[in-house]
Amino acid sequence: MGSVRMGEMSVATATGEELVAIGLGSCIGLAFVDRAAGVAGLAHVVLPESGSAAGPIGKFANLAVPGLLDQVQRAGARKERLEVVLVGGARMFALGGGMDIGTRNEAAVREALSQHRLRVKAAATGGSNGRTMRVTASSGTVNVHVAGATPETLLGGAGSASARSTRLGPAGLGIAGASA
């Protein structure tokens, strides 16, 4: 198991190798999966954009998307086969004045993905609970575990949706018809 901490990104290609991001609150777990190549990448995005701030490229949405894309392609993934999954983006603190960093992080990641012509296949975002994201390279499976709930398969595996999106309301409950 490879733990991907805040601001980090990692790529897995080995059979059974799993990438895990624990504690996704307002952060976004960004997974790229190429099942045919057996390649998966995971970034733990902390902030929407780098501006003039220093830090690892996985920390900022505007740098993490092209950085992770480059890494998975170097490992053998093909852009046209990539399946993208987002997890996190919760509102962890009730602060006013545009401080909803979770929503801003999700919007920035989606914008960066759009710039690279990548579409989100599945997402579990919003709400007010932390999550753990697990990505298994060889099977191309992405699972999410919301604190206090049953783990859910977002991509791959039996019973997963081909395009699933769960946008959680303030109480952490799913909103029907949520858009990806």
N, C-alpha and C. Protein backbone atom coordinates (compact mmCIF):
# COMPACT_ATOMS: atom_id res chain seq x y z
N MET A 1 0.85 -1.18 0.00
CA MET A 1 0.00 0.00 0.00
C MET A 1 0.89 1.23 0.00
N GLY A 2 0.63 2.14 -0.95
CA GLY A 2 1.37 3.39 -1.00
C GLY A 2 0.50 4.53 -0.50
N SER A 3 0.89 5.13 0.61
CA SER A 3 0.14 6.24 1.16
C SER A 3 0.51 7.52 0.42
N VAL A 4 -0.50 8.25 -0.04
CA VAL A 4 -0.30 9.51 -0.75
C VAL A 4 -0.79 10.61 0.20
N ARG A 5 0.17 11.30 0.80
CA ARG A 5 -0.16 12.33 1.79
C ARG A 5 -0.43 13.68 1.11
N MET A 6 -0.85 14.63 1.89
CA MET A 6 -1.20 15.96 1.39
C MET A 6 -0.08 16.53 0.51
N GLY A 7 -0.46 16.96 -0.70
CA GLY A 7 0.48 17.56 -1.62
C GLY A 7 1.31 16.57 -2.41
N GLU A 8 1.14 15.29 -2.16
CA GLU A 8 1.91 14.27 -2.86
C GLU A 8 1.12 13.67 -4.01
N MET A 9 1.85 13.02 -4.91
CA MET A 9 1.23 12.20 -5.95
C MET A 9 2.10 10.99 -6.16
N SER A 10 1.47 9.91 -6.62
CA SER A 10 2.18 8.66 -6.82
C SER A 10 1.52 7.88 -7.95
N VAL A 11 2.32 7.00 -8.57
CA VAL A 11 1.84 6.15 -9.65
C VAL A 11 2.13 4.71 -9.28
N ALA A 12 1.16 3.83 -9.57
CA ALA A 12 1.32 2.41 -9.30
C ALA A 12 1.13 1.61 -10.58
N THR A 13 1.96 0.57 -10.74
CA THR A 13 1.84 -0.31 -11.91
C THR A 13 1.90 -1.78 -11.53
N ALA A 14 2.27 -2.08 -10.32
CA ALA A 14 2.45 -3.47 -9.90
C ALA A 14 1.11 -4.13 -9.57
N THR A 15 1.02 -5.42 -9.86
CA THR A 15 -0.17 -6.18 -9.54
C THR A 15 -0.44 -6.10 -8.05
N GLY A 16 -1.66 -5.72 -7.72
CA GLY A 16 -2.07 -5.63 -6.32
C GLY A 16 -1.62 -4.37 -5.61
N GLU A 17 -0.82 -3.54 -6.27
CA GLU A 17 -0.36 -2.31 -5.62
C GLU A 17 -1.52 -1.35 -5.44
N GLU A 18 -1.62 -0.77 -4.25
CA GLU A 18 -2.72 0.11 -3.93
C GLU A 18 -2.20 1.47 -3.48
N LEU A 19 -2.83 2.52 -3.98
CA LEU A 19 -2.52 3.89 -3.57
C LEU A 19 -3.66 4.36 -2.68
N VAL A 20 -3.32 5.00 -1.57
CA VAL A 20 -4.34 5.39 -0.60
C VAL A 20 -4.13 6.84 -0.18
N ALA A 21 -5.22 7.61 -0.20
CA ALA A 21 -5.22 8.97 0.35
C ALA A 21 -6.19 8.97 1.53
N ILE A 22 -5.64 9.20 2.70
CA ILE A 22 -6.43 9.21 3.93
C ILE A 22 -6.67 10.67 4.33
N GLY A 23 -7.82 10.93 4.88
CA GLY A 23 -8.10 12.27 5.41
C GLY A 23 -8.43 13.29 4.35
N LEU A 24 -9.15 12.87 3.29
CA LEU A 24 -9.59 13.82 2.29
C LEU A 24 -10.81 14.57 2.83
N GLY A 25 -10.56 15.76 3.33
CA GLY A 25 -11.64 16.63 3.77
C GLY A 25 -11.91 17.61 2.65
N SER A 26 -11.37 18.82 2.78
CA SER A 26 -11.50 19.81 1.71
C SER A 26 -10.55 19.51 0.56
N CYS A 27 -9.58 18.66 0.78
CA CYS A 27 -8.65 18.26 -0.28
C CYS A 27 -9.39 17.41 -1.31
N ILE A 28 -8.79 17.30 -2.49
CA ILE A 28 -9.33 16.46 -3.55
C ILE A 28 -8.36 15.31 -3.82
N GLY A 29 -8.88 14.10 -3.78
CA GLY A 29 -8.14 12.95 -4.26
C GLY A 29 -8.43 12.83 -5.74
N LEU A 30 -7.40 12.93 -6.56
CA LEU A 30 -7.52 12.88 -8.02
C LEU A 30 -6.87 11.60 -8.51
N ALA A 31 -7.67 10.71 -9.08
CA ALA A 31 -7.14 9.44 -9.59
C ALA A 31 -7.25 9.39 -11.11
N PHE A 32 -6.17 8.94 -11.74
CA PHE A 32 -6.16 8.61 -13.17
C PHE A 32 -5.94 7.12 -13.26
N VAL A 33 -6.80 6.43 -14.01
CA VAL A 33 -6.72 4.97 -14.13
C VAL A 33 -6.74 4.58 -15.60
N ASP A 34 -5.76 3.77 -16.01
CA ASP A 34 -5.76 3.15 -17.34
C ASP A 34 -5.77 1.65 -17.08
N ARG A 35 -6.95 1.06 -17.11
CA ARG A 35 -7.09 -0.37 -16.79
C ARG A 35 -6.36 -1.26 -17.78
N ALA A 36 -6.37 -0.89 -19.05
CA ALA A 36 -5.71 -1.71 -20.07
C ALA A 36 -4.20 -1.79 -19.83
N ALA A 37 -3.61 -0.72 -19.37
CA ALA A 37 -2.17 -0.70 -19.10
C ALA A 37 -1.84 -1.12 -17.68
N GLY A 38 -2.83 -1.21 -16.80
CA GLY A 38 -2.57 -1.54 -15.40
C GLY A 38 -1.84 -0.44 -14.68
N VAL A 39 -2.15 0.80 -15.05
CA VAL A 39 -1.48 1.96 -14.45
C VAL A 39 -2.52 2.83 -13.75
N ALA A 40 -2.17 3.29 -12.56
CA ALA A 40 -3.03 4.21 -11.83
C ALA A 40 -2.17 5.27 -11.17
N GLY A 41 -2.71 6.47 -11.07
CA GLY A 41 -2.02 7.56 -10.39
C GLY A 41 -2.98 8.24 -9.44
N LEU A 42 -2.43 8.77 -8.36
CA LEU A 42 -3.25 9.44 -7.35
C LEU A 42 -2.51 10.68 -6.86
N ALA A 43 -3.23 11.81 -6.85
CA ALA A 43 -2.70 13.05 -6.29
C ALA A 43 -3.62 13.48 -5.15
N HIS A 44 -3.02 14.03 -4.10
CA HIS A 44 -3.75 14.54 -2.93
C HIS A 44 -3.65 16.06 -2.99
N VAL A 45 -4.60 16.69 -3.68
CA VAL A 45 -4.59 18.12 -3.97
C VAL A 45 -5.11 18.90 -2.76
N VAL A 46 -4.33 19.90 -2.35
CA VAL A 46 -4.64 20.67 -1.14
C VAL A 46 -5.26 22.03 -1.45
N LEU A 47 -4.77 22.71 -2.50
CA LEU A 47 -5.19 24.07 -2.80
C LEU A 47 -5.52 24.23 -4.29
N PRO A 48 -6.37 25.20 -4.64
CA PRO A 48 -6.77 25.38 -6.03
C PRO A 48 -5.64 25.77 -6.98
N GLU A 49 -4.78 26.70 -6.59
CA GLU A 49 -3.73 27.14 -7.51
C GLU A 49 -2.49 27.57 -6.75
N SER A 50 -1.38 27.49 -7.45
CA SER A 50 -0.10 27.79 -6.82
C SER A 50 0.17 29.27 -6.70
N GLY A 51 -0.25 30.07 -7.69
CA GLY A 51 0.11 31.49 -7.67
C GLY A 51 1.62 31.61 -7.55
N SER A 52 2.07 32.31 -6.55
CA SER A 52 3.52 32.43 -6.32
C SER A 52 3.98 31.54 -5.17
N ALA A 53 3.08 30.73 -4.64
CA ALA A 53 3.43 29.86 -3.52
C ALA A 53 4.33 28.72 -3.95
N ALA A 54 5.20 28.33 -3.06
CA ALA A 54 6.09 27.20 -3.31
C ALA A 54 5.48 25.93 -2.70
N GLY A 55 5.90 24.82 -3.22
CA GLY A 55 5.44 23.55 -2.69
C GLY A 55 5.47 22.49 -3.76
N PRO A 56 5.23 21.26 -3.39
CA PRO A 56 5.22 20.18 -4.38
C PRO A 56 4.06 20.37 -5.36
N ILE A 57 4.24 19.92 -6.61
CA ILE A 57 3.21 20.15 -7.62
C ILE A 57 1.90 19.44 -7.30
N GLY A 58 1.94 18.37 -6.53
CA GLY A 58 0.72 17.67 -6.16
C GLY A 58 -0.17 18.47 -5.22
N LYS A 59 0.37 19.53 -4.64
CA LYS A 59 -0.36 20.34 -3.68
C LYS A 59 -1.41 21.23 -4.34
N PHE A 60 -1.17 21.64 -5.58
CA PHE A 60 -1.99 22.64 -6.25
C PHE A 60 -2.71 22.04 -7.45
N ALA A 61 -4.02 22.30 -7.58
CA ALA A 61 -4.82 21.74 -8.67
C ALA A 61 -4.24 22.07 -10.03
N ASN A 62 -3.82 23.32 -10.23
CA ASN A 62 -3.35 23.73 -11.55
C ASN A 62 -2.04 23.06 -11.95
N LEU A 63 -1.30 22.55 -10.99
CA LEU A 63 -0.05 21.85 -11.28
C LEU A 63 -0.20 20.33 -11.17
N ALA A 64 -1.09 19.88 -10.29
CA ALA A 64 -1.26 18.43 -10.07
C ALA A 64 -1.83 17.72 -11.29
N VAL A 65 -2.79 18.34 -11.97
CA VAL A 65 -3.41 17.67 -13.12
C VAL A 65 -2.37 17.39 -14.21
N PRO A 66 -1.64 18.41 -14.72
CA PRO A 66 -0.65 18.09 -15.76
C PRO A 66 0.51 17.25 -15.23
N GLY A 67 0.87 17.42 -13.97
CA GLY A 67 1.95 16.63 -13.39
C GLY A 67 1.61 15.16 -13.29
N LEU A 68 0.41 14.85 -12.80
CA LEU A 68 -0.01 13.46 -12.69
C LEU A 68 -0.22 12.85 -14.07
N LEU A 69 -0.77 13.63 -14.99
CA LEU A 69 -0.95 13.16 -16.36
C LEU A 69 0.39 12.74 -16.96
N ASP A 70 1.40 13.55 -16.78
CA ASP A 70 2.73 13.24 -17.29
C ASP A 70 3.27 11.95 -16.65
N GLN A 71 3.10 11.82 -15.34
CA GLN A 71 3.64 10.65 -14.65
C GLN A 71 2.97 9.35 -15.08
N VAL A 72 1.63 9.36 -15.22
CA VAL A 72 0.96 8.11 -15.62
C VAL A 72 1.28 7.76 -17.06
N GLN A 73 1.45 8.76 -17.91
CA GLN A 73 1.81 8.47 -19.30
C GLN A 73 3.22 7.91 -19.38
N ARG A 74 4.12 8.41 -18.58
CA ARG A 74 5.49 7.86 -18.55
C ARG A 74 5.50 6.42 -18.06
N ALA A 75 4.50 6.06 -17.25
CA ALA A 75 4.40 4.69 -16.73
C ALA A 75 3.69 3.75 -17.70
N GLY A 76 3.21 4.28 -18.83
CA GLY A 76 2.59 3.43 -19.84
C GLY A 76 1.12 3.66 -20.10
N ALA A 77 0.49 4.58 -19.36
CA ALA A 77 -0.93 4.88 -19.58
C ALA A 77 -1.09 5.70 -20.86
N ARG A 78 -2.26 5.58 -21.46
CA ARG A 78 -2.58 6.39 -22.64
C ARG A 78 -3.71 7.34 -22.28
N LYS A 79 -3.53 8.59 -22.61
CA LYS A 79 -4.48 9.64 -22.24
C LYS A 79 -5.91 9.30 -22.66
N GLU A 80 -6.08 8.77 -23.87
CA GLU A 80 -7.43 8.49 -24.36
C GLU A 80 -8.13 7.37 -23.60
N ARG A 81 -7.39 6.59 -22.81
CA ARG A 81 -8.01 5.51 -22.03
C ARG A 81 -8.19 5.89 -20.56
N LEU A 82 -7.71 7.04 -20.16
CA LEU A 82 -7.76 7.40 -18.74
C LEU A 82 -9.18 7.59 -18.24
N GLU A 83 -9.43 7.01 -17.09
CA GLU A 83 -10.67 7.23 -16.36
C GLU A 83 -10.30 8.07 -15.15
N VAL A 84 -11.04 9.15 -14.95
CA VAL A 84 -10.72 10.12 -13.90
C VAL A 84 -11.76 10.02 -12.79
N VAL A 85 -11.26 9.97 -11.55
CA VAL A 85 -12.15 9.91 -10.39
C VAL A 85 -11.73 11.00 -9.40
N LEU A 86 -12.74 11.70 -8.85
CA LEU A 86 -12.51 12.73 -7.84
C LEU A 86 -13.20 12.33 -6.54
N VAL A 87 -12.49 12.55 -5.43
CA VAL A 87 -13.05 12.29 -4.11
C VAL A 87 -12.61 13.43 -3.20
N GLY A 88 -13.53 13.87 -2.34
CA GLY A 88 -13.19 14.91 -1.36
C GLY A 88 -13.97 16.18 -1.60
N GLY A 89 -13.31 17.31 -1.41
CA GLY A 89 -13.96 18.60 -1.63
C GLY A 89 -15.04 18.92 -0.62
N ALA A 90 -14.91 18.40 0.59
CA ALA A 90 -15.92 18.63 1.62
C ALA A 90 -15.78 20.03 2.23
N ARG A 91 -16.86 20.48 2.81
CA ARG A 91 -16.85 21.74 3.55
C ARG A 91 -16.63 21.34 5.02
N MET A 92 -15.40 21.45 5.45
CA MET A 92 -15.03 20.97 6.77
C MET A 92 -15.26 21.99 7.88
N PHE A 93 -15.33 23.26 7.51
CA PHE A 93 -15.49 24.31 8.51
C PHE A 93 -16.57 25.28 8.04
N ALA A 94 -17.41 25.73 8.94
CA ALA A 94 -18.49 26.66 8.61
C ALA A 94 -17.96 28.09 8.66
N LEU A 95 -17.17 28.46 7.64
CA LEU A 95 -16.62 29.81 7.55
C LEU A 95 -17.30 30.53 6.40
N GLY A 96 -17.51 31.80 6.55
CA GLY A 96 -18.13 32.60 5.49
C GLY A 96 -17.08 33.25 4.62
N GLY A 97 -17.53 34.16 3.76
CA GLY A 97 -16.61 34.96 2.96
C GLY A 97 -15.87 34.20 1.87
N GLY A 98 -16.50 33.21 1.24
CA GLY A 98 -15.85 32.50 0.14
C GLY A 98 -14.74 31.57 0.58
N MET A 99 -14.76 31.15 1.81
CA MET A 99 -13.70 30.30 2.34
C MET A 99 -13.97 28.80 2.16
N ASP A 100 -14.95 28.45 1.34
CA ASP A 100 -15.25 27.03 1.13
C ASP A 100 -14.18 26.44 0.21
N ILE A 101 -13.06 26.09 0.80
CA ILE A 101 -11.90 25.61 0.04
C ILE A 101 -12.21 24.30 -0.67
N GLY A 102 -13.07 23.47 -0.11
CA GLY A 102 -13.41 22.20 -0.75
C GLY A 102 -14.07 22.40 -2.11
N THR A 103 -15.03 23.30 -2.17
CA THR A 103 -15.71 23.62 -3.43
C THR A 103 -14.73 24.26 -4.40
N ARG A 104 -13.89 25.15 -3.92
CA ARG A 104 -12.90 25.81 -4.77
C ARG A 104 -11.88 24.80 -5.30
N ASN A 105 -11.46 23.85 -4.47
CA ASN A 105 -10.53 22.81 -4.92
C ASN A 105 -11.15 21.97 -6.03
N GLU A 106 -12.39 21.54 -5.83
CA GLU A 106 -13.05 20.72 -6.84
C GLU A 106 -13.18 21.48 -8.16
N ALA A 107 -13.61 22.74 -8.09
CA ALA A 107 -13.77 23.54 -9.30
C ALA A 107 -12.44 23.72 -10.03
N ALA A 108 -11.37 23.94 -9.29
CA ALA A 108 -10.04 24.13 -9.90
C ALA A 108 -9.54 22.85 -10.55
N VAL A 109 -9.77 21.71 -9.92
CA VAL A 109 -9.36 20.43 -10.50
C VAL A 109 -10.16 20.17 -11.77
N ARG A 110 -11.46 20.39 -11.72
CA ARG A 110 -12.29 20.18 -12.90
C ARG A 110 -11.88 21.11 -14.05
N GLU A 111 -11.54 22.35 -13.75
CA GLU A 111 -11.10 23.29 -14.78
C GLU A 111 -9.78 22.81 -15.40
N ALA A 112 -8.84 22.39 -14.58
CA ALA A 112 -7.56 21.89 -15.09
C ALA A 112 -7.77 20.64 -15.94
N LEU A 113 -8.67 19.76 -15.52
CA LEU A 113 -8.98 18.57 -16.31
C LEU A 113 -9.56 18.96 -17.66
N SER A 114 -10.45 19.93 -17.66
CA SER A 114 -11.07 20.41 -18.90
C SER A 114 -10.02 20.96 -19.86
N GLN A 115 -9.05 21.68 -19.32
CA GLN A 115 -7.98 22.23 -20.15
C GLN A 115 -7.17 21.13 -20.84
N HIS A 116 -7.12 19.97 -20.23
CA HIS A 116 -6.38 18.83 -20.78
C HIS A 116 -7.32 17.84 -21.47
N ARG A 117 -8.55 18.25 -21.66
CA ARG A 117 -9.57 17.43 -22.32
C ARG A 117 -9.77 16.08 -21.66
N LEU A 118 -9.82 16.10 -20.35
CA LEU A 118 -10.09 14.91 -19.56
C LEU A 118 -11.43 15.09 -18.86
N ARG A 119 -12.25 14.02 -18.86
CA ARG A 119 -13.57 14.07 -18.25
C ARG A 119 -13.61 13.20 -17.01
N VAL A 120 -14.37 13.65 -16.04
CA VAL A 120 -14.54 12.90 -14.80
C VAL A 120 -15.51 11.74 -15.05
N LYS A 121 -15.05 10.55 -14.72
CA LYS A 121 -15.85 9.33 -14.88
C LYS A 121 -16.73 9.09 -13.66
N ALA A 122 -16.18 9.35 -12.48
CA ALA A 122 -16.92 9.14 -11.23
C ALA A 122 -16.40 10.12 -10.19
N ALA A 123 -17.29 10.49 -9.26
CA ALA A 123 -16.91 11.43 -8.21
C ALA A 123 -17.73 11.21 -6.96
N ALA A 124 -17.13 11.45 -5.82
CA ALA A 124 -17.81 11.51 -4.53
C ALA A 124 -17.25 12.74 -3.84
N THR A 125 -17.98 13.84 -3.96
CA THR A 125 -17.48 15.12 -3.48
C THR A 125 -18.53 15.86 -2.65
N GLY A 126 -18.08 16.87 -1.92
CA GLY A 126 -18.97 17.71 -1.14
C GLY A 126 -19.24 17.16 0.24
N GLY A 127 -20.33 17.62 0.84
CA GLY A 127 -20.69 17.21 2.18
C GLY A 127 -19.78 17.82 3.22
N SER A 128 -19.75 17.20 4.38
CA SER A 128 -18.94 17.73 5.48
C SER A 128 -18.15 16.65 6.20
N ASN A 129 -18.02 15.48 5.58
CA ASN A 129 -17.27 14.38 6.19
C ASN A 129 -15.99 14.09 5.44
N GLY A 130 -14.98 13.64 6.18
CA GLY A 130 -13.73 13.21 5.57
C GLY A 130 -13.89 11.87 4.89
N ARG A 131 -12.95 11.57 4.00
CA ARG A 131 -13.00 10.33 3.24
C ARG A 131 -11.61 9.72 3.10
N THR A 132 -11.60 8.43 2.80
CA THR A 132 -10.39 7.72 2.40
C THR A 132 -10.63 7.17 1.00
N MET A 133 -9.62 7.32 0.14
CA MET A 133 -9.71 6.87 -1.25
C MET A 133 -8.66 5.80 -1.48
N ARG A 134 -9.06 4.69 -2.09
CA ARG A 134 -8.15 3.59 -2.41
C ARG A 134 -8.21 3.29 -3.90
N VAL A 135 -7.04 3.26 -4.53
CA VAL A 135 -6.93 3.01 -5.97
C VAL A 135 -6.03 1.80 -6.16
N THR A 136 -6.54 0.77 -6.84
CA THR A 136 -5.77 -0.44 -7.11
C THR A 136 -5.41 -0.47 -8.59
N ALA A 137 -4.12 -0.45 -8.87
CA ALA A 137 -3.62 -0.32 -10.24
C ALA A 137 -4.03 -1.48 -11.14
N SER A 138 -3.78 -2.69 -10.71
CA SER A 138 -4.00 -3.85 -11.60
C SER A 138 -5.46 -4.06 -11.97
N SER A 139 -6.38 -3.76 -11.07
CA SER A 139 -7.80 -3.96 -11.35
C SER A 139 -8.47 -2.67 -11.82
N GLY A 140 -7.81 -1.54 -11.61
CA GLY A 140 -8.42 -0.27 -11.98
C GLY A 140 -9.59 0.09 -11.10
N THR A 141 -9.56 -0.39 -9.88
CA THR A 141 -10.66 -0.15 -8.94
C THR A 141 -10.38 1.07 -8.08
N VAL A 142 -11.41 1.90 -7.89
CA VAL A 142 -11.33 3.05 -6.99
C VAL A 142 -12.45 2.92 -5.98
N ASN A 143 -12.08 2.90 -4.72
CA ASN A 143 -13.04 2.81 -3.63
C ASN A 143 -12.95 4.05 -2.77
N VAL A 144 -14.08 4.43 -2.17
CA VAL A 144 -14.12 5.55 -1.25
C VAL A 144 -14.81 5.09 0.02
N HIS A 145 -14.30 5.57 1.13
CA HIS A 145 -14.90 5.27 2.42
C HIS A 145 -15.14 6.59 3.14
N VAL A 146 -16.40 6.98 3.24
CA VAL A 146 -16.78 8.18 3.97
C VAL A 146 -16.80 7.81 5.44
N ALA A 147 -16.25 8.67 6.28
CA ALA A 147 -16.22 8.40 7.71
C ALA A 147 -17.62 8.05 8.21
N GLY A 148 -17.75 6.94 8.89
CA GLY A 148 -19.01 6.51 9.47
C GLY A 148 -19.96 5.82 8.51
N ALA A 149 -19.50 5.51 7.29
CA ALA A 149 -20.37 4.86 6.30
C ALA A 149 -19.70 3.60 5.77
N THR A 150 -20.42 2.88 4.92
CA THR A 150 -19.91 1.68 4.28
C THR A 150 -19.06 2.07 3.07
N PRO A 151 -17.90 1.43 2.87
CA PRO A 151 -17.09 1.74 1.68
C PRO A 151 -17.88 1.51 0.40
N GLU A 152 -17.58 2.30 -0.62
CA GLU A 152 -18.30 2.25 -1.90
C GLU A 152 -17.28 2.17 -3.04
N THR A 153 -17.61 1.36 -4.06
CA THR A 153 -16.77 1.28 -5.25
C THR A 153 -17.27 2.31 -6.25
N LEU A 154 -16.38 3.24 -6.63
CA LEU A 154 -16.72 4.27 -7.61
C LEU A 154 -16.37 3.86 -9.03
N LEU A 155 -15.33 3.04 -9.17
CA LEU A 155 -14.86 2.65 -10.50
C LEU A 155 -14.33 1.22 -10.43
N GLY A 156 -14.71 0.41 -11.43
CA GLY A 156 -14.24 -0.98 -11.47
C GLY A 156 -14.99 -1.84 -10.50
N GLY A 157 -14.71 -3.11 -10.55
CA GLY A 157 -15.35 -4.04 -9.62
C GLY A 157 -16.81 -4.30 -9.96
N ALA A 158 -17.38 -5.26 -9.30
CA ALA A 158 -18.78 -5.64 -9.53
C ALA A 158 -19.71 -4.58 -8.97
N GLY A 159 -20.71 -4.22 -9.75
CA GLY A 159 -21.73 -3.31 -9.28
C GLY A 159 -21.37 -1.84 -9.33
N SER A 160 -20.24 -1.49 -9.89
CA SER A 160 -19.90 -0.07 -9.95
C SER A 160 -20.59 0.57 -11.15
N ALA A 161 -20.88 1.82 -11.01
CA ALA A 161 -21.54 2.55 -12.10
C ALA A 161 -20.52 2.92 -13.15
N SER A 162 -20.96 3.02 -14.39
CA SER A 162 -20.05 3.43 -15.46
C SER A 162 -19.72 4.90 -15.33
N ALA A 163 -20.61 5.68 -14.79
CA ALA A 163 -20.34 7.10 -14.54
C ALA A 163 -21.14 7.49 -13.30
N ARG A 164 -20.53 7.44 -12.17
CA ARG A 164 -21.22 7.69 -10.91
C ARG A 164 -20.75 9.01 -10.33
N SER A 165 -21.69 9.75 -9.79
CA SER A 165 -21.36 11.00 -9.13
C SER A 165 -22.23 11.15 -7.91
N THR A 166 -21.61 11.42 -6.81
CA THR A 166 -22.34 11.69 -5.59
C THR A 166 -21.89 13.04 -5.06
N ARG A 167 -22.79 13.97 -5.04
CA ARG A 167 -22.51 15.28 -4.46
C ARG A 167 -23.26 15.28 -3.15
N LEU A 168 -22.56 15.46 -2.07
CA LEU A 168 -23.17 15.35 -0.75
C LEU A 168 -23.66 16.70 -0.26
N GLY A 169 -24.79 16.68 0.43
CA GLY A 169 -25.35 17.89 1.03
C GLY A 169 -24.65 18.21 2.33
N PRO A 170 -25.09 19.29 3.01
CA PRO A 170 -24.43 19.74 4.23
C PRO A 170 -24.36 18.69 5.32
N ALA A 171 -25.36 17.82 5.40
CA ALA A 171 -25.36 16.79 6.43
C ALA A 171 -24.59 15.56 6.02
N GLY A 172 -23.98 15.59 4.82
CA GLY A 172 -23.24 14.44 4.36
C GLY A 172 -24.10 13.43 3.64
N LEU A 173 -25.37 13.80 3.34
CA LEU A 173 -26.27 12.89 2.65
C LEU A 173 -26.21 13.14 1.16
N GLY A 174 -26.30 12.08 0.37
CA GLY A 174 -26.24 12.20 -1.08
C GLY A 174 -27.42 13.00 -1.62
N ILE A 175 -27.18 13.77 -2.66
CA ILE A 175 -28.23 14.53 -3.33
C ILE A 175 -28.55 13.84 -4.63
N ALA A 176 -29.79 13.40 -4.80
CA ALA A 176 -30.18 12.68 -6.02
C ALA A 176 -30.00 13.57 -7.23
N GLY A 177 -29.54 12.96 -8.33
CA GLY A 177 -29.37 13.70 -9.56
C GLY A 177 -28.18 14.61 -9.57
N ALA A 178 -27.26 14.42 -8.67
CA ALA A 178 -26.08 15.28 -8.62
C ALA A 178 -25.29 15.15 -9.91
N SER A 179 -24.71 16.24 -10.33
CA SER A 179 -23.95 16.21 -11.58
C SER A 179 -22.47 16.07 -11.33
N ALA A 180 -21.79 15.44 -12.26
CA ALA A 180 -20.35 15.23 -12.14
C ALA A 180 -19.60 16.41 -12.66
